[in-house]
Amino acid sequence: MAALTDILTRSDEQIEEWFLGILNEAAAPLAELSAVVDWFARKGRLDKAEACAELLQEALLERRIEEPLLDLMRARAGWKNGDTAFAAVCRQTLTAFYEKDEPAKLALANAGFDKPLKAGECLGRLAVLRRLKPGVLCYDKGWGVGVVKELDAFGRQVVIYFDGRKVHRMALAYSGECL
């Protein structure tokens, strides 16, 4: 396989041909495919970036690969300049992706995708909520450093012990914003 730097010196059509050819390989190089999408976006070729991103997103969904999928969505949110309609696309995609993952569905439901927020903001909140697990350190501007004690799925809250204070219950939606 040619080096990515060599591939990016080719014409757009040749790059797209390489992208399509390698995308369906079992061990497709996700970092290189993502780099091609990013390269098209940085060069202002957003139509090509978007076309490749959609194909890569489908492949990541099919293969159930979470982190590169979220990274790709964050990149797309960045070049869509805050298009709030893209948040709905992200929500729909992630709802299907997290179909059988109850903690992830809980995080998704509290990340703000149902509010008039930009996709990047919602994806950032989702990242925070996905990291909240018992034993994880967190920081709140008003309360200081804390340790997550538990997630209360029924109450949609996170229980946090802040140093020198009583145990504090915080709504998941709020914790996605402030932690």
Foldseek 3Di string as FASTA:
>chain_A
DDDLVVLVVDDPVSNVVVLVVQLPDPPRPLVSLLVVLVVCVVVVVPVSSVVSLVSNLVSCLVVLPPPSNLVSLLSVLVSVPQPLVSLVVVLVSVCSSCVPPVQLVLLLVQLQSVPSGGNNSSSQLSVQSVPQAAQDWDQFPVQGIWGFHHQDSVQQWTWIDGPPDDIDTDHSNVSSVTD
